N, C-alpha and C. Protein backbone atom coordinates (compact mmCIF):
# COMPACT_ATOMS: atom_id res chain seq x y z
N UNK A 1 14.23 -240.76 225.47
CA UNK A 1 13.38 -239.64 225.11
C UNK A 1 13.83 -238.38 225.82
N UNK A 2 14.35 -238.52 227.02
CA UNK A 2 14.74 -237.33 227.77
C UNK A 2 15.88 -236.57 227.12
N UNK A 3 16.57 -237.18 226.17
CA UNK A 3 17.68 -236.52 225.49
C UNK A 3 17.26 -235.88 224.18
N UNK A 4 15.97 -235.87 223.87
CA UNK A 4 15.48 -235.22 222.66
C UNK A 4 15.64 -233.70 222.85
N UNK A 5 16.29 -233.06 221.90
CA UNK A 5 16.47 -231.62 221.95
C UNK A 5 15.67 -231.00 220.81
N UNK A 6 14.76 -230.12 221.16
CA UNK A 6 13.87 -229.50 220.20
C UNK A 6 14.07 -228.01 220.26
N UNK A 7 14.16 -227.38 219.10
CA UNK A 7 14.32 -225.93 219.04
C UNK A 7 13.11 -225.27 219.67
N UNK A 8 13.34 -224.37 220.58
CA UNK A 8 12.27 -223.64 221.25
C UNK A 8 11.76 -224.31 222.51
N UNK A 9 12.37 -225.40 222.90
CA UNK A 9 11.91 -226.11 224.09
C UNK A 9 12.40 -225.45 225.36
N UNK A 10 11.71 -225.72 226.42
CA UNK A 10 12.09 -225.23 227.73
C UNK A 10 12.83 -226.34 228.47
N UNK A 11 13.77 -225.98 229.28
CA UNK A 11 14.56 -226.97 230.03
C UNK A 11 13.71 -227.76 231.02
N UNK A 12 12.60 -227.19 231.47
CA UNK A 12 11.78 -227.88 232.46
C UNK A 12 10.66 -228.73 231.87
N UNK A 13 10.72 -229.01 230.57
CA UNK A 13 9.71 -229.85 229.93
C UNK A 13 10.00 -231.32 230.23
N UNK A 14 8.94 -232.10 230.40
CA UNK A 14 9.10 -233.53 230.58
C UNK A 14 9.35 -234.18 229.21
N UNK A 15 9.76 -235.42 229.22
CA UNK A 15 9.99 -236.13 227.96
C UNK A 15 8.71 -236.21 227.14
N UNK A 16 7.60 -236.42 227.81
CA UNK A 16 6.30 -236.49 227.12
C UNK A 16 5.96 -235.16 226.46
N UNK A 17 6.20 -234.07 227.18
CA UNK A 17 5.94 -232.74 226.62
C UNK A 17 6.86 -232.45 225.45
N UNK A 18 8.10 -232.86 225.55
CA UNK A 18 9.05 -232.66 224.44
C UNK A 18 8.63 -233.42 223.20
N UNK A 19 8.19 -234.66 223.39
CA UNK A 19 7.75 -235.47 222.26
C UNK A 19 6.52 -234.87 221.60
N UNK A 20 5.60 -234.38 222.39
CA UNK A 20 4.41 -233.73 221.84
C UNK A 20 4.79 -232.45 221.11
N UNK A 21 5.69 -231.67 221.68
CA UNK A 21 6.16 -230.43 221.05
C UNK A 21 6.86 -230.74 219.71
N UNK A 22 7.70 -231.77 219.70
CA UNK A 22 8.38 -232.19 218.48
C UNK A 22 7.37 -232.63 217.42
N UNK A 23 6.36 -233.38 217.84
CA UNK A 23 5.31 -233.84 216.92
C UNK A 23 4.59 -232.67 216.29
N UNK A 24 4.31 -231.65 217.10
CA UNK A 24 3.67 -230.44 216.58
C UNK A 24 4.55 -229.77 215.53
N UNK A 25 5.84 -229.67 215.82
CA UNK A 25 6.76 -229.04 214.87
C UNK A 25 6.85 -229.82 213.57
N UNK A 26 6.90 -231.14 213.66
CA UNK A 26 7.05 -231.98 212.47
C UNK A 26 5.83 -231.95 211.58
N UNK A 27 4.66 -231.69 212.14
CA UNK A 27 3.43 -231.73 211.35
C UNK A 27 2.86 -230.35 211.07
N UNK A 28 3.59 -229.32 211.43
CA UNK A 28 3.15 -227.96 211.15
C UNK A 28 2.99 -227.78 209.64
N UNK A 29 1.84 -227.29 209.23
CA UNK A 29 1.59 -227.05 207.81
C UNK A 29 0.79 -228.16 207.14
N UNK A 30 0.60 -229.29 207.81
CA UNK A 30 -0.22 -230.35 207.24
C UNK A 30 -1.69 -230.04 207.51
N UNK A 31 -2.46 -229.90 206.45
CA UNK A 31 -3.87 -229.55 206.56
C UNK A 31 -4.65 -230.71 207.19
N UNK A 32 -5.48 -230.40 208.16
CA UNK A 32 -6.32 -231.39 208.81
C UNK A 32 -5.63 -232.21 209.87
N UNK A 33 -4.38 -231.86 210.20
CA UNK A 33 -3.62 -232.60 211.21
C UNK A 33 -3.44 -231.70 212.42
N UNK A 34 -3.92 -232.19 213.57
CA UNK A 34 -3.77 -231.44 214.82
C UNK A 34 -2.99 -232.28 215.80
N UNK A 35 -2.16 -231.62 216.59
CA UNK A 35 -1.37 -232.30 217.60
C UNK A 35 -1.59 -231.60 218.93
N UNK A 36 -2.63 -232.05 219.63
CA UNK A 36 -2.98 -231.44 220.90
C UNK A 36 -2.63 -232.32 222.09
N UNK A 37 -2.69 -233.64 221.89
CA UNK A 37 -2.45 -234.58 222.98
C UNK A 37 -2.10 -235.96 222.40
N UNK A 38 -1.88 -236.92 223.27
CA UNK A 38 -1.50 -238.26 222.82
C UNK A 38 -2.68 -239.22 222.69
N UNK A 39 -3.88 -238.74 222.87
CA UNK A 39 -5.02 -239.63 222.72
C UNK A 39 -5.80 -239.29 221.45
N UNK A 40 -6.56 -238.21 221.49
CA UNK A 40 -7.41 -237.89 220.34
C UNK A 40 -6.62 -237.49 219.10
N UNK A 41 -5.49 -236.87 219.27
CA UNK A 41 -4.71 -236.42 218.11
C UNK A 41 -4.11 -237.59 217.33
N UNK A 42 -3.87 -238.70 217.98
CA UNK A 42 -3.24 -239.86 217.33
C UNK A 42 -4.26 -240.91 216.91
N UNK A 43 -5.48 -240.78 217.36
CA UNK A 43 -6.49 -241.83 217.19
C UNK A 43 -6.77 -242.20 215.73
N UNK A 44 -6.90 -241.21 214.85
CA UNK A 44 -7.28 -241.52 213.46
C UNK A 44 -6.08 -241.81 212.55
N UNK A 45 -4.87 -241.67 213.07
CA UNK A 45 -3.67 -242.02 212.29
C UNK A 45 -3.12 -240.89 211.43
N UNK A 46 -3.81 -239.78 211.33
CA UNK A 46 -3.34 -238.69 210.47
C UNK A 46 -2.02 -238.10 210.95
N UNK A 47 -1.91 -237.91 212.25
CA UNK A 47 -0.68 -237.34 212.81
C UNK A 47 0.50 -238.27 212.55
N UNK A 48 0.31 -239.53 212.81
CA UNK A 48 1.36 -240.52 212.57
C UNK A 48 1.76 -240.53 211.10
N UNK A 49 0.79 -240.55 210.21
CA UNK A 49 1.08 -240.57 208.78
C UNK A 49 1.77 -239.29 208.31
N UNK A 50 1.42 -238.16 208.90
CA UNK A 50 2.07 -236.90 208.54
C UNK A 50 3.55 -236.94 208.91
N UNK A 51 3.87 -237.50 210.07
CA UNK A 51 5.28 -237.61 210.48
C UNK A 51 6.03 -238.55 209.54
N UNK A 52 5.41 -239.69 209.23
CA UNK A 52 6.04 -240.63 208.28
C UNK A 52 6.24 -239.95 206.93
N UNK A 53 5.24 -239.23 206.45
CA UNK A 53 5.35 -238.55 205.17
C UNK A 53 6.49 -237.54 205.17
N UNK A 54 6.59 -236.80 206.25
CA UNK A 54 7.64 -235.78 206.32
C UNK A 54 9.03 -236.41 206.22
N UNK A 55 9.24 -237.50 206.94
CA UNK A 55 10.55 -238.14 206.90
C UNK A 55 10.77 -238.92 205.63
N UNK A 56 9.73 -239.51 205.08
CA UNK A 56 9.86 -240.22 203.80
C UNK A 56 10.21 -239.23 202.70
N UNK A 57 9.56 -238.08 202.71
CA UNK A 57 9.84 -237.04 201.72
C UNK A 57 11.29 -236.57 201.82
N UNK A 58 11.77 -236.35 203.04
CA UNK A 58 13.16 -235.93 203.23
C UNK A 58 14.13 -236.99 202.71
N UNK A 59 13.82 -238.25 202.99
CA UNK A 59 14.69 -239.36 202.59
C UNK A 59 14.76 -239.43 201.06
N UNK A 60 13.63 -239.33 200.38
CA UNK A 60 13.63 -239.40 198.92
C UNK A 60 14.32 -238.22 198.28
N UNK A 61 14.25 -237.05 198.90
CA UNK A 61 14.95 -235.88 198.36
C UNK A 61 16.45 -236.07 198.43
N UNK A 62 16.95 -236.74 199.49
CA UNK A 62 18.38 -236.98 199.62
C UNK A 62 18.89 -237.97 198.59
N UNK A 63 18.03 -238.88 198.14
CA UNK A 63 18.44 -239.89 197.18
C UNK A 63 18.60 -239.34 195.77
N UNK A 64 17.94 -238.24 195.49
CA UNK A 64 17.99 -237.68 194.13
C UNK A 64 19.25 -236.90 193.89
């Protein structure tokens, strides 16, 4: 995780902060999805599903 490079990240971010920042970037624009922390934001599954949807959508676009 410490090798994750995210656009706009700071060099002094921890791996946990980078992962949260990346999650926010991946789900930006999804209505009703908030990424504030690793407890309440992930509890209902919306954040996880938004990330899966984003990558599934990208994968299907490449196949066409």
